[in-house]
C-alpha atoms as a PDB file:
ATOM      1  CA  UNK A   1      46.926 -57.314  90.530  1.00  0.00           C
ATOM      2  CA  UNK A   2      45.258 -54.420  91.984  1.00  0.00           C
ATOM      3  CA  UNK A   3      47.588 -51.996  90.853  1.00  0.00           C
ATOM      4  CA  UNK A   4      47.029 -52.995  87.297  1.00  0.00           C
ATOM      5  CA  UNK A   5      43.453 -52.967  87.740  1.00  0.00           C
ATOM      6  CA  UNK A   6      44.038 -49.415  89.414  1.00  0.00           C
ATOM      7  CA  UNK A   7      46.087 -47.812  86.331  1.00  0.00           C
ATOM      8  CA  UNK A   8      43.796 -50.043  83.780  1.00  0.00           C
ATOM      9  CA  UNK A   9      40.802 -47.842  85.388  1.00  0.00           C
ATOM     10  CA  UNK A  10      42.824 -44.713  85.279  1.00  0.00           C
ATOM     11  CA  UNK A  11      43.773 -45.180  81.740  1.00  0.00           C
ATOM     12  CA  UNK A  12      40.030 -45.902  80.764  1.00  0.00           C
ATOM     13  CA  UNK A  13      39.009 -42.638  82.847  1.00  0.00           C
ATOM     14  CA  UNK A  14      41.721 -40.543  80.900  1.00  0.00           C
ATOM     15  CA  UNK A  15      40.722 -42.158  77.757  1.00  0.00           C
ATOM     16  CA  UNK A  16      37.257 -41.214  78.341  1.00  0.00           C
ATOM     17  CA  UNK A  17      38.046 -37.518  79.086  1.00  0.00           C
ATOM     18  CA  UNK A  18      39.729 -37.173  75.604  1.00  0.00           C
ATOM     19  CA  UNK A  19      37.140 -38.790  73.981  1.00  0.00           C
ATOM     20  CA  UNK A  20      34.647 -36.387  75.520  1.00  0.00           C
ATOM     21  CA  UNK A  21      37.040 -33.519  74.995  1.00  0.00           C
ATOM     22  CA  UNK A  22      37.146 -34.480  71.397  1.00  0.00           C
ATOM     23  CA  UNK A  23      33.565 -34.655  71.181  1.00  0.00           C
ATOM     24  CA  UNK A  24      33.220 -31.376  72.580  1.00  0.00           C
ATOM     25  CA  UNK A  25      35.451 -29.863  70.068  1.00  0.00           C
ATOM     26  CA  UNK A  26      33.751 -31.646  67.363  1.00  0.00           C
ATOM     27  CA  UNK A  27      30.820 -30.122  68.300  1.00  0.00           C
ATOM     28  CA  UNK A  28      32.044 -26.753  68.646  1.00  0.00           C
ATOM     29  CA  UNK A  29      33.772 -26.569  65.219  1.00  0.00           C
ATOM     30  CA  UNK A  30      30.047 -27.914  64.162  1.00  0.00           C
ATOM     31  CA  UNK A  31      28.337 -25.106  65.677  1.00  0.00           C
ATOM     32  CA  UNK A  32      30.933 -22.719  64.325  1.00  0.00           C
ATOM     33  CA  UNK A  33      30.423 -23.792  60.554  1.00  0.00           C
ATOM     34  CA  UNK A  34      26.682 -23.643  60.955  1.00  0.00           C
ATOM     35  CA  UNK A  35      26.850 -20.198  62.543  1.00  0.00           C
ATOM     36  CA  UNK A  36      28.802 -19.140  59.793  1.00  0.00           C
ATOM     37  CA  UNK A  37      28.619 -20.917  56.565  1.00  0.00           C
ATOM     38  CA  UNK A  38      26.330 -22.708  54.436  1.00  0.00           C
ATOM     39  CA  UNK A  39      27.093 -26.601  55.065  1.00  0.00           C
ATOM     40  CA  UNK A  40      26.334 -29.272  53.133  1.00  0.00           C
ATOM     41  CA  UNK A  41      27.293 -33.362  53.073  1.00  0.00           C
ATOM     42  CA  UNK A  42      26.861 -35.646  50.047  1.00  0.00           C
ATOM     43  CA  UNK A  43      27.672 -39.450  49.381  1.00  0.00           C
ATOM     44  CA  UNK A  44      30.196 -40.121  46.701  1.00  0.00           C
ATOM     45  CA  UNK A  45      27.267 -39.871  44.077  1.00  0.00           C
ATOM     46  CA  UNK A  46      26.542 -36.638  44.972  1.00  0.00           C
ATOM     47  CA  UNK A  47      23.370 -37.051  47.096  1.00  0.00           C
ATOM     48  CA  UNK A  48      22.816 -34.607  49.813  1.00  0.00           C
ATOM     49  CA  UNK A  49      23.032 -36.468  53.053  1.00  0.00           C
ATOM     50  CA  UNK A  50      23.016 -33.501  55.258  1.00  0.00           C
ATOM     51  CA  UNK A  51      22.546 -29.650  55.165  1.00  0.00           C
ATOM     52  CA  UNK A  52      22.595 -26.974  58.033  1.00  0.00           C
ATOM     53  CA  UNK A  53      19.857 -24.230  58.727  1.00  0.00           C
ATOM     54  CA  UNK A  54      21.639 -21.715  56.501  1.00  0.00           C
ATOM     55  CA  UNK A  55      21.620 -23.911  53.444  1.00  0.00           C
ATOM     56  CA  UNK A  56      17.720 -24.206  53.399  1.00  0.00           C
ATOM     57  CA  UNK A  57      17.585 -20.318  54.201  1.00  0.00           C
ATOM     58  CA  UNK A  58      19.406 -19.286  51.259  1.00  0.00           C
ATOM     59  CA  UNK A  59      18.187 -21.879  48.515  1.00  0.00           C
ATOM     60  CA  UNK A  60      14.466 -21.470  50.151  1.00  0.00           C
ATOM     61  CA  UNK A  61      14.002 -25.190  50.181  1.00  0.00           C
ATOM     62  CA  UNK A  62      12.989 -27.147  53.339  1.00  0.00           C
ATOM     63  CA  UNK A  63      15.416 -29.869  54.623  1.00  0.00           C
ATOM     64  CA  UNK A  64      12.765 -32.499  53.532  1.00  0.00           C
ATOM     65  CA  UNK A  65      13.014 -31.501  49.777  1.00  0.00           C
ATOM     66  CA  UNK A  66      16.625 -31.127  49.677  1.00  0.00           C
ATOM     67  CA  UNK A  67      17.846 -34.583  51.499  1.00  0.00           C
ATOM     68  CA  UNK A  68      18.560 -37.228  49.219  1.00  0.00           C
ATOM     69  CA  UNK A  69      18.329 -34.815  45.943  1.00  0.00           C
ATOM     70  CA  UNK A  70      21.887 -33.784  44.367  1.00  0.00           C
ATOM     71  CA  UNK A  71      22.979 -30.151  43.604  1.00  0.00           C
ATOM     72  CA  UNK A  72      21.389 -30.034  40.369  1.00  0.00           C
ATOM     73  CA  UNK A  73      18.042 -28.798  42.198  1.00  0.00           C
ATOM     74  CA  UNK A  74      20.104 -25.458  42.087  1.00  0.00           C
ATOM     75  CA  UNK A  75      21.574 -25.462  39.155  1.00  0.00           C
ATOM     76  CA  UNK A  76      21.094 -21.853  37.542  1.00  0.00           C
ATOM     77  CA  UNK A  77      22.167 -22.717  33.881  1.00  0.00           C
ATOM     78  CA  UNK A  78      25.082 -20.330  34.342  1.00  0.00           C
ATOM     79  CA  UNK A  79      28.013 -22.095  34.363  1.00  0.00           C
ATOM     80  CA  UNK A  80      28.513 -24.731  31.529  1.00  0.00           C
ATOM     81  CA  UNK A  81      28.474 -28.564  31.763  1.00  0.00           C
ATOM     82  CA  UNK A  82      32.521 -28.643  31.647  1.00  0.00           C
ATOM     83  CA  UNK A  83      32.543 -26.610  34.561  1.00  0.00           C
ATOM     84  CA  UNK A  84      31.002 -29.126  36.782  1.00  0.00           C
ATOM     85  CA  UNK A  85      33.091 -31.865  34.980  1.00  0.00           C
ATOM     86  CA  UNK A  86      36.217 -30.176  35.704  1.00  0.00           C
ATOM     87  CA  UNK A  87      34.902 -29.900  39.721  1.00  0.00           C
ATOM     88  CA  UNK A  88      33.971 -33.924  39.766  1.00  0.00           C
ATOM     89  CA  UNK A  89      37.176 -34.486  38.011  1.00  0.00           C
ATOM     90  CA  UNK A  90      39.367 -32.707  40.607  1.00  0.00           C
ATOM     91  CA  UNK A  91      36.958 -33.714  43.953  1.00  0.00           C
ATOM     92  CA  UNK A  92      36.657 -37.267  42.698  1.00  0.00           C
ATOM     93  CA  UNK A  93      40.576 -37.795  42.458  1.00  0.00           C
ATOM     94  CA  UNK A  94      40.421 -36.908  45.855  1.00  0.00           C
ATOM     95  CA  UNK A  95      41.630 -33.229  45.583  1.00  0.00           C
ATOM     96  CA  UNK A  96      40.076 -29.807  47.139  1.00  0.00           C
ATOM     97  CA  UNK A  97      37.746 -27.740  44.938  1.00  0.00           C
ATOM     98  CA  UNK A  98      37.577 -24.045  45.251  1.00  0.00           C
ATOM     99  CA  UNK A  99      35.224 -21.866  43.242  1.00  0.00           C
ATOM    100  CA  UNK A 100      32.183 -19.313  42.340  1.00  0.00           C
ATOM    101  CA  UNK A 101      28.829 -20.899  41.576  1.00  0.00           C
ATOM    102  CA  UNK A 102      25.563 -19.300  40.885  1.00  0.00           C
ATOM    103  CA  UNK A 103      22.941 -21.192  42.126  1.00  0.00           C
ATOM    104  CA  UNK A 104      18.972 -20.803  41.833  1.00  0.00           C
ATOM    105  CA  UNK A 105      16.652 -20.952  45.142  1.00  0.00           C
ATOM    106  CA  UNK A 106      13.341 -22.382  44.817  1.00  0.00           C
ATOM    107  CA  UNK A 107      11.803 -19.171  44.181  1.00  0.00           C
ATOM    108  CA  UNK A 108      13.844 -18.293  41.083  1.00  0.00           C
ATOM    109  CA  UNK A 109      16.086 -15.935  42.417  1.00  0.00           C
ATOM    110  CA  UNK A 110      20.020 -16.115  41.633  1.00  0.00           C
ATOM    111  CA  UNK A 111      22.457 -16.474  44.453  1.00  0.00           C
ATOM    112  CA  UNK A 112      26.364 -16.569  44.357  1.00  0.00           C
ATOM    113  CA  UNK A 113      28.438 -19.003  46.784  1.00  0.00           C
ATOM    114  CA  UNK A 114      32.229 -19.012  47.213  1.00  0.00           C
ATOM    115  CA  UNK A 115      32.609 -22.805  47.485  1.00  0.00           C
ATOM    116  CA  UNK A 116      34.925 -24.994  48.874  1.00  0.00           C
ATOM    117  CA  UNK A 117      34.307 -28.916  48.632  1.00  0.00           C
ATOM    118  CA  UNK A 118      36.753 -31.339  50.760  1.00  0.00           C
ATOM    119  CA  UNK A 119      36.699 -35.475  49.922  1.00  0.00           C
ATOM    120  CA  UNK A 120      36.758 -37.487  52.771  1.00  0.00           C
ATOM    121  CA  UNK A 121      38.747 -40.867  51.763  1.00  0.00           C
ATOM    122  CA  UNK A 122      38.097 -44.270  52.604  1.00  0.00           C
ATOM    123  CA  UNK A 123      41.039 -46.763  53.049  1.00  0.00           C
ATOM    124  CA  UNK A 124      41.541 -47.353  49.366  1.00  0.00           C
ATOM    125  CA  UNK A 125      41.784 -43.455  48.862  1.00  0.00           C
ATOM    126  CA  UNK A 126      38.749 -42.969  47.260  1.00  0.00           C
ATOM    127  CA  UNK A 127      35.801 -40.354  48.326  1.00  0.00           C
ATOM    128  CA  UNK A 128      32.916 -41.923  49.949  1.00  0.00           C
ATOM    129  CA  UNK A 129      31.357 -38.636  50.784  1.00  0.00           C
ATOM    130  CA  UNK A 130      32.139 -34.671  50.219  1.00  0.00           C
ATOM    131  CA  UNK A 131      31.769 -31.756  52.550  1.00  0.00           C
ATOM    132  CA  UNK A 132      31.091 -28.534  51.101  1.00  0.00           C
ATOM    133  CA  UNK A 133      31.506 -25.255  53.029  1.00  0.00           C
ATOM    134  CA  UNK A 134      29.942 -22.218  51.184  1.00  0.00           C
ATOM    135  CA  UNK A 135      29.716 -18.287  51.670  1.00  0.00           C
ATOM    136  CA  UNK A 136      27.068 -16.063  50.050  1.00  0.00           C
ATOM    137  CA  UNK A 137      28.696 -13.791  47.831  1.00  0.00           C
ATOM    138  CA  UNK A 138      25.962 -12.407  45.828  1.00  0.00           C
ATOM    139  CA  UNK A 139      26.596  -8.700  46.840  1.00  0.00           C
ATOM    140  CA  UNK A 140      30.198  -8.998  45.963  1.00  0.00           C
ATOM    141  CA  UNK A 141      29.002 -10.206  42.717  1.00  0.00           C
ATOM    142  CA  UNK A 142      26.593  -7.591  41.849  1.00  0.00           C
ATOM    143  CA  UNK A 143      29.424  -4.884  43.010  1.00  0.00           C
ATOM    144  CA  UNK A 144      31.961  -6.626  40.944  1.00  0.00           C
ATOM    145  CA  UNK A 145      29.490  -6.687  37.695  1.00  0.00           C
ATOM    146  CA  UNK A 146      28.482  -2.980  38.330  1.00  0.00           C
ATOM    147  CA  UNK A 147      32.442  -2.103  38.499  1.00  0.00           C
ATOM    148  CA  UNK A 148      33.035  -4.107  35.179  1.00  0.00           C
ATOM    149  CA  UNK A 149      30.039  -2.509  33.421  1.00  0.00           C
ATOM    150  CA  UNK A 150      31.493   0.839  34.478  1.00  0.00           C
ATOM    151  CA  UNK A 151      35.037  -0.339  33.075  1.00  0.00           C
ATOM    152  CA  UNK A 152      33.592  -0.937  30.025  1.00  0.00           C
ATOM    153  CA  UNK A 153      31.787   2.106  29.557  1.00  0.00           C
ATOM    154  CA  UNK A 154      34.862   3.936  30.532  1.00  0.00           C
ATOM    155  CA  UNK A 155      36.993   1.803  27.594  1.00  0.00           C
ATOM    156  CA  UNK A 156      34.130   2.430  25.187  1.00  0.00           C
ATOM    157  CA  UNK A 157      33.892   6.026  25.774  1.00  0.00           C
ATOM    158  CA  UNK A 158      37.759   6.459  25.613  1.00  0.00           C
ATOM    159  CA  UNK A 159      37.625   4.455  22.299  1.00  0.00           C
ATOM    160  CA  UNK A 160      35.232   6.680  20.912  1.00  0.00           C
ATOM    161  CA  UNK A 161      37.133   9.650  22.005  1.00  0.00           C
ATOM    162  CA  UNK A 162      40.363   8.418  20.231  1.00  0.00           C
ATOM    163  CA  UNK A 163      38.368   7.773  17.171  1.00  0.00           C
ATOM    164  CA  UNK A 164      37.454  11.552  17.199  1.00  0.00           C
ATOM    165  CA  UNK A 165      40.492  12.909  17.882  1.00  0.00           C
ATOM    166  CA  UNK A 166      42.452  10.910  15.183  1.00  0.00           C
ATOM    167  CA  UNK A 167      39.855  11.645  12.768  1.00  0.00           C
ATOM    168  CA  UNK A 168      40.056  15.486  13.685  1.00  0.00           C
ATOM    169  CA  UNK A 169      43.680  15.439  13.904  1.00  0.00           C
ATOM    170  CA  UNK A 170      44.033  13.579  10.312  1.00  0.00           C
ATOM    171  CA  UNK A 171      40.758  15.280   8.634  1.00  0.00           C
ATOM    172  CA  UNK A 172      41.468  18.774  10.020  1.00  0.00           C
ATOM    173  CA  UNK A 173      45.150  19.766  11.210  1.00  0.00           C
ATOM    174  CA  UNK A 174      46.557  16.906   8.697  1.00  0.00           C
ATOM    175  CA  UNK A 175      44.517  18.230   6.036  1.00  0.00           C
ATOM    176  CA  UNK A 176      45.502  21.778   6.655  1.00  0.00           C
ATOM    177  CA  UNK A 177      49.204  21.067   6.911  1.00  0.00           C
ATOM    178  CA  UNK A 178      49.066  19.237   3.629  1.00  0.00           C
ATOM    179  CA  UNK A 179      47.402  22.223   1.933  1.00  0.00           C
ATOM    180  CA  UNK A 180      50.151  24.419   3.261  1.00  0.00           C
ATOM    181  CA  UNK A 181      52.538  22.049   1.710  1.00  0.00           C
ATOM    182  CA  UNK A 182      50.989  22.435  -1.723  1.00  0.00           C
ATOM    183  CA  UNK A 183      51.125  26.029  -1.527  1.00  0.00           C
ATOM    184  CA  UNK A 184      54.630  25.961  -0.380  1.00  0.00           C
ATOM    185  CA  UNK A 185      55.741  23.622  -2.863  1.00  0.00           C
ATOM    186  CA  UNK A 186      54.229  25.866  -5.774  1.00  0.00           C
ATOM    187  CA  UNK A 187      56.218  28.747  -3.949  1.00  0.00           C
ATOM    188  CA  UNK A 188      59.254  26.877  -4.222  1.00  0.00           C
ATOM    189  CA  UNK A 189      58.689  26.340  -8.220  1.00  0.00           C
ATOM    190  CA  UNK A 190      58.312  29.967  -8.655  1.00  0.00           C
ATOM    191  CA  UNK A 191      60.688  31.528  -6.175  1.00  0.00           C
ATOM    192  CA  UNK A 192      64.212  30.124  -4.901  1.00  0.00           C
ATOM    193  CA  UNK A 193      64.848  30.786  -1.291  1.00  0.00           C
ATOM    194  CA  UNK A 194      66.313  28.573   1.685  1.00  0.00           C
ATOM    195  CA  UNK A 195      63.415  29.593   3.695  1.00  0.00           C
ATOM    196  CA  UNK A 196      61.041  27.961   1.659  1.00  0.00           C
ATOM    197  CA  UNK A 197      63.001  24.376   1.319  1.00  0.00           C
ATOM    198  CA  UNK A 198      63.098  24.887   5.305  1.00  0.00           C
ATOM    199  CA  UNK A 199      59.394  25.173   5.442  1.00  0.00           C
ATOM    200  CA  UNK A 200      58.909  22.520   3.059  1.00  0.00           C
ATOM    201  CA  UNK A 201      60.627  19.986   5.365  1.00  0.00           C
ATOM    202  CA  UNK A 202      59.134  21.357   8.526  1.00  0.00           C
ATOM    203  CA  UNK A 203      55.830  21.005   7.044  1.00  0.00           C
ATOM    204  CA  UNK A 204      56.369  17.571   5.604  1.00  0.00           C
ATOM    205  CA  UNK A 205      57.808  16.526   9.344  1.00  0.00           C
ATOM    206  CA  UNK A 206      54.450  18.196  10.903  1.00  0.00           C
ATOM    207  CA  UNK A 207      52.452  15.998   8.701  1.00  0.00           C
ATOM    208  CA  UNK A 208      54.184  12.678   9.456  1.00  0.00           C
ATOM    209  CA  UNK A 209      53.885  13.499  13.413  1.00  0.00           C
ATOM    210  CA  UNK A 210      50.383  14.408  13.018  1.00  0.00           C
ATOM    211  CA  UNK A 211      49.552  10.985  11.022  1.00  0.00           C
ATOM    212  CA  UNK A 212      51.671   9.073  13.700  1.00  0.00           C
ATOM    213  CA  UNK A 213      49.564  10.484  16.583  1.00  0.00           C
ATOM    214  CA  UNK A 214      46.377   9.829  14.911  1.00  0.00           C
ATOM    215  CA  UNK A 215      47.510   6.110  13.620  1.00  0.00           C
ATOM    216  CA  UNK A 216      48.203   5.569  17.744  1.00  0.00           C
ATOM    217  CA  UNK A 217      44.931   7.039  18.453  1.00  0.00           C
ATOM    218  CA  UNK A 218      42.544   5.229  16.418  1.00  0.00           C
ATOM    219  CA  UNK A 219      44.029   3.585  13.166  1.00  0.00           C
ATOM    220  CA  UNK A 220      41.070   4.034  10.618  1.00  0.00           C
ATOM    221  CA  UNK A 221      42.056   1.047   8.662  1.00  0.00           C
ATOM    222  CA  UNK A 222      40.448  -0.563  11.608  1.00  0.00           C
ATOM    223  CA  UNK A 223      37.209   0.867  11.229  1.00  0.00           C
ATOM    224  CA  UNK A 224      37.682   0.799   7.461  1.00  0.00           C
ATOM    225  CA  UNK A 225      39.104  -2.395   6.666  1.00  0.00           C
ATOM    226  CA  UNK A 226      38.939  -4.659   9.820  1.00  0.00           C
ATOM    227  CA  UNK A 227      41.310  -6.078  11.990  1.00  0.00           C
ATOM    228  CA  UNK A 228      44.032  -8.613  10.322  1.00  0.00           C
ATOM    229  CA  UNK A 229      45.101  -5.217   7.805  1.00  0.00           C
ATOM    230  CA  UNK A 230      45.335  -2.964  10.838  1.00  0.00           C
ATOM    231  CA  UNK A 231      47.420  -5.438  12.432  1.00  0.00           C
ATOM    232  CA  UNK A 232      49.709  -6.120   9.671  1.00  0.00           C
ATOM    233  CA  UNK A 233      49.614  -2.201   9.372  1.00  0.00           C
ATOM    234  CA  UNK A 234      50.938  -1.704  12.766  1.00  0.00           C
ATOM    235  CA  UNK A 235      53.599  -4.316  12.435  1.00  0.00           C
ATOM    236  CA  UNK A 236      55.325  -2.821   9.418  1.00  0.00           C
ATOM    237  CA  UNK A 237      55.517   0.167  11.286  1.00  0.00           C
ATOM    238  CA  UNK A 238      56.602  -1.296  14.576  1.00  0.00           C
ATOM    239  CA  UNK A 239      59.426  -3.112  12.811  1.00  0.00           C
ATOM    240  CA  UNK A 240      60.451  -0.559  11.002  1.00  0.00           C
ATOM    241  CA  UNK A 241      60.677   1.833  14.222  1.00  0.00           C
ATOM    242  CA  UNK A 242      62.213  -0.279  16.320  1.00  0.00           C
ATOM    243  CA  UNK A 243      64.082  -3.254  14.214  1.00  0.00           C
ATOM    244  CA  UNK A 244      61.920  -6.063  15.934  1.00  0.00           C
ATOM    245  CA  UNK A 245      60.634  -8.512  13.378  1.00  0.00           C
ATOM    246  CA  UNK A 246      57.105  -9.920  14.415  1.00  0.00           C
ATOM    247  CA  UNK A 247      55.857 -13.178  12.632  1.00  0.00           C
ATOM    248  CA  UNK A 248      52.559 -13.147  11.925  1.00  0.00           C
ATOM    249  CA  UNK A 249      50.585 -16.414  11.803  1.00  0.00           C
ATOM    250  CA  UNK A 250      46.411 -15.721  11.585  1.00  0.00           C
ATOM    251  CA  UNK A 251      43.759 -17.874  10.598  1.00  0.00           C
ATOM    252  CA  UNK A 252      40.480 -15.482  10.605  1.00  0.00           C
ATOM    253  CA  UNK A 253      37.745 -15.697   7.777  1.00  0.00           C
ATOM    254  CA  UNK A 254      35.599 -13.037   8.878  1.00  0.00           C
ATOM    255  CA  UNK A 255      35.175 -10.013  10.792  1.00  0.00           C
ATOM    256  CA  UNK A 256      33.924  -9.801  14.501  1.00  0.00           C
ATOM    257  CA  UNK A 257      32.122  -7.057  16.755  1.00  0.00           C
ATOM    258  CA  UNK A 258      34.254  -3.885  16.536  1.00  0.00           C
ATOM    259  CA  UNK A 259      34.881  -4.146  20.395  1.00  0.00           C
ATOM    260  CA  UNK A 260      36.303  -7.482  20.104  1.00  0.00           C
ATOM    261  CA  UNK A 261      38.509  -6.450  17.184  1.00  0.00           C
ATOM    262  CA  UNK A 262      39.690  -3.347  19.361  1.00  0.00           C
ATOM    263  CA  UNK A 263      40.532  -5.559  22.537  1.00  0.00           C
ATOM    264  CA  UNK A 264      42.507  -7.769  20.490  1.00  0.00           C
ATOM    265  CA  UNK A 265      44.492  -5.087  18.484  1.00  0.00           C
ATOM    266  CA  UNK A 266      45.137  -3.196  21.495  1.00  0.00           C
ATOM    267  CA  UNK A 267      46.184  -6.184  23.642  1.00  0.00           C
ATOM    268  CA  UNK A 268      48.628  -6.791  20.806  1.00  0.00           C
ATOM    269  CA  UNK A 269      49.504  -3.537  20.515  1.00  0.00           C
ATOM    270  CA  UNK A 270      50.623  -3.283  24.375  1.00  0.00           C
ATOM    271  CA  UNK A 271      52.242  -6.503  24.526  1.00  0.00           C
ATOM    272  CA  UNK A 272      54.688  -5.474  21.780  1.00  0.00           C
ATOM    273  CA  UNK A 273      55.236  -2.304  23.560  1.00  0.00           C
ATOM    274  CA  UNK A 274      56.366  -4.270  26.349  1.00  0.00           C
ATOM    275  CA  UNK A 275      58.599  -6.667  24.402  1.00  0.00           C
ATOM    276  CA  UNK A 276      60.326  -3.314  22.910  1.00  0.00           C
ATOM    277  CA  UNK A 277      60.681  -1.991  26.301  1.00  0.00           C
ATOM    278  CA  UNK A 278      61.568  -4.803  28.352  1.00  0.00           C
ATOM    279  CA  UNK A 279      62.133  -8.149  26.469  1.00  0.00           C
ATOM    280  CA  UNK A 280      65.613  -7.171  24.864  1.00  0.00           C
ATOM    281  CA  UNK A 281      64.835  -9.541  21.790  1.00  0.00           C
ATOM    282  CA  UNK A 282      65.072  -8.541  17.666  1.00  0.00           C
ATOM    283  CA  UNK A 283      61.919 -11.173  17.218  1.00  0.00           C
ATOM    284  CA  UNK A 284      58.684 -11.779  18.182  1.00  0.00           C
ATOM    285  CA  UNK A 285      55.705 -14.003  17.281  1.00  0.00           C
ATOM    286  CA  UNK A 286      52.040 -13.219  17.100  1.00  0.00           C
ATOM    287  CA  UNK A 287      49.286 -16.291  16.443  1.00  0.00           C
ATOM    288  CA  UNK A 288      45.703 -15.529  16.172  1.00  0.00           C
ATOM    289  CA  UNK A 289      43.445 -18.737  15.649  1.00  0.00           C
ATOM    290  CA  UNK A 290      39.466 -19.335  15.874  1.00  0.00           C
ATOM    291  CA  UNK A 291      38.990 -22.327  18.022  1.00  0.00           C
ATOM    292  CA  UNK A 292      35.277 -23.440  18.404  1.00  0.00           C
ATOM    293  CA  UNK A 293      33.341 -20.274  19.812  1.00  0.00           C
ATOM    294  CA  UNK A 294      36.521 -18.723  20.760  1.00  0.00           C
ATOM    295  CA  UNK A 295      39.401 -16.240  19.397  1.00  0.00           C
ATOM    296  CA  UNK A 296      42.652 -17.240  20.560  1.00  0.00           C
ATOM    297  CA  UNK A 297      45.404 -14.600  20.278  1.00  0.00           C
ATOM    298  CA  UNK A 298      49.235 -15.513  21.361  1.00  0.00           C
ATOM    299  CA  UNK A 299      51.977 -12.848  21.406  1.00  0.00           C
ATOM    300  CA  UNK A 300      55.397 -14.730  22.406  1.00  0.00           C
ATOM    301  CA  UNK A 301      58.734 -13.491  22.804  1.00  0.00           C
ATOM    302  CA  UNK A 302      62.167 -15.533  24.009  1.00  0.00           C
ATOM    303  CA  UNK A 303      63.804 -12.480  26.107  1.00  0.00           C
ATOM    304  CA  UNK A 304      64.368 -11.691  29.292  1.00  0.00           C
ATOM    305  CA  UNK A 305      60.810 -12.830  30.635  1.00  0.00           C
ATOM    306  CA  UNK A 306      59.822 -12.070  34.523  1.00  0.00           C
ATOM    307  CA  UNK A 307      58.554 -13.807  37.792  1.00  0.00           C
ATOM    308  CA  UNK A 308      54.687 -13.407  37.002  1.00  0.00           C
ATOM    309  CA  UNK A 309      53.897 -13.926  40.700  1.00  0.00           C
ATOM    310  CA  UNK A 310      56.750 -11.503  41.820  1.00  0.00           C
ATOM    311  CA  UNK A 311      56.061  -8.427  39.324  1.00  0.00           C
ATOM    312  CA  UNK A 312      53.617  -5.988  40.137  1.00  0.00           C
ATOM    313  CA  UNK A 313      51.209  -5.628  37.433  1.00  0.00           C
ATOM    314  CA  UNK A 314      51.556  -1.888  36.001  1.00  0.00           C
ATOM    315  CA  UNK A 315      49.216   0.153  34.200  1.00  0.00           C
ATOM    316  CA  UNK A 316      49.830  -1.766  30.972  1.00  0.00           C
ATOM    317  CA  UNK A 317      49.252  -4.880  32.320  1.00  0.00           C
ATOM    318  CA  UNK A 318      46.025  -3.620  33.996  1.00  0.00           C
ATOM    319  CA  UNK A 319      44.790  -2.186  30.665  1.00  0.00           C
ATOM    320  CA  UNK A 320      44.890  -5.434  28.789  1.00  0.00           C
ATOM    321  CA  UNK A 321      43.373  -7.454  31.775  1.00  0.00           C
ATOM    322  CA  UNK A 322      40.277  -4.947  32.134  1.00  0.00           C
ATOM    323  CA  UNK A 323      40.558  -4.728  28.319  1.00  0.00           C
ATOM    324  CA  UNK A 324      39.671  -8.685  28.235  1.00  0.00           C
ATOM    325  CA  UNK A 325      37.129  -8.556  30.904  1.00  0.00           C
ATOM    326  CA  UNK A 326      35.146  -5.950  29.068  1.00  0.00           C
ATOM    327  CA  UNK A 327      34.244  -8.649  25.957  1.00  0.00           C
ATOM    328  CA  UNK A 328      34.069 -11.637  28.376  1.00  0.00           C
ATOM    329  CA  UNK A 329      37.408 -12.514  27.777  1.00  0.00           C
ATOM    330  CA  UNK A 330      40.350 -13.957  29.486  1.00  0.00           C
ATOM    331  CA  UNK A 331      44.021 -12.861  29.842  1.00  0.00           C
ATOM    332  CA  UNK A 332      46.735 -15.504  30.952  1.00  0.00           C
ATOM    333  CA  UNK A 333      50.394 -14.580  31.088  1.00  0.00           C
ATOM    334  CA  UNK A 334      53.176 -16.945  31.197  1.00  0.00           C
ATOM    335  CA  UNK A 335      56.567 -15.763  31.748  1.00  0.00           C
ATOM    336  CA  UNK A 336      59.958 -16.843  33.916  1.00  0.00           C
ATOM    337  CA  UNK A 337      63.421 -15.504  34.139  1.00  0.00           C
ATOM    338  CA  UNK A 338      65.316 -15.823  30.900  1.00  0.00           C
ATOM    339  CA  UNK A 339      62.724 -17.883  29.089  1.00  0.00           C
ATOM    340  CA  UNK A 340      60.746 -15.550  27.584  1.00  0.00           C
ATOM    341  CA  UNK A 341      56.910 -14.490  28.099  1.00  0.00           C
ATOM    342  CA  UNK A 342      53.645 -15.618  26.582  1.00  0.00           C
ATOM    343  CA  UNK A 343      50.540 -13.120  26.890  1.00  0.00           C
ATOM    344  CA  UNK A 344      47.363 -15.249  25.761  1.00  0.00           C
ATOM    345  CA  UNK A 345      44.106 -13.743  25.170  1.00  0.00           C
ATOM    346  CA  UNK A 346      40.914 -15.938  24.767  1.00  0.00           C
ATOM    347  CA  UNK A 347      37.769 -14.273  23.820  1.00  0.00           C
ATOM    348  CA  UNK A 348      34.397 -15.849  23.096  1.00  0.00           C
ATOM    349  CA  UNK A 349      32.874 -15.021  19.885  1.00  0.00           C
ATOM    350  CA  UNK A 350      29.439 -16.686  20.079  1.00  0.00           C
END
């Protein structure tokens, strides 16, 4: 009996040691989180039940002002209602949510936080509270915004230079060559000489090359008539030169800002170039739709495809992505080996 009592006391002592160790680990983890992160806990309704000093410091609210409130007190108005609905759908289903949120502090200043929200589930696998761990990324977002402005400016300057060169080639060198061709034709009507025929042929070829280069730089029809005529003209030349039939399905009833039209045109141009080089197909499809306040463009082929995550992004894909960002749009690429590729561009038009 004494032996059993002794073993029971020993087990109890061991258990207490393990509990103390676990408690100390939790204290250490809490200390590490509080020192490195902005931490808050909310109940199932989103009411704040715990927050650390860093939360108060960055939000400029006192603990008493925040406890019992929900995070709408920090809403900056930057994100849409759908953004937060999607977040709540995720955590409400018991899944972890990660994202970047812009908040408004008590003094009206804005700050960005990289946020992870972890649901704590009860016996019925329903969330009973949420732990939010945040890291301030305001400076990083500022730098990203500056870089984006810089890239947008670079793209604008590049397009202006393309436009200038295109006009100069077409209206300058192209017109001069055309005048020479007229002169050669007049001479040919008066003098029969094989060199004149050769000069006529060479001048015609040069005019065609100048026209093609001018078109590649910046098709004048895009500025003069708009996006749809420019795309149709490009597709006609593309199909003729590369024997790829492109089915074009478009429902747009108005013109957009030239920067948006340029972005759509250039991304279609680059996507078709990639299809020509890599897809090994004779057909492709382009679909353009206006949906609510967004233009959605899809370029699709049924060719070789590639593994998106394994394929390093070359200059073409990088350029497409940067152009989309420059107008506030989003570029998404879906592809897999043997199943073709979809390039989807969504651009806001508000």
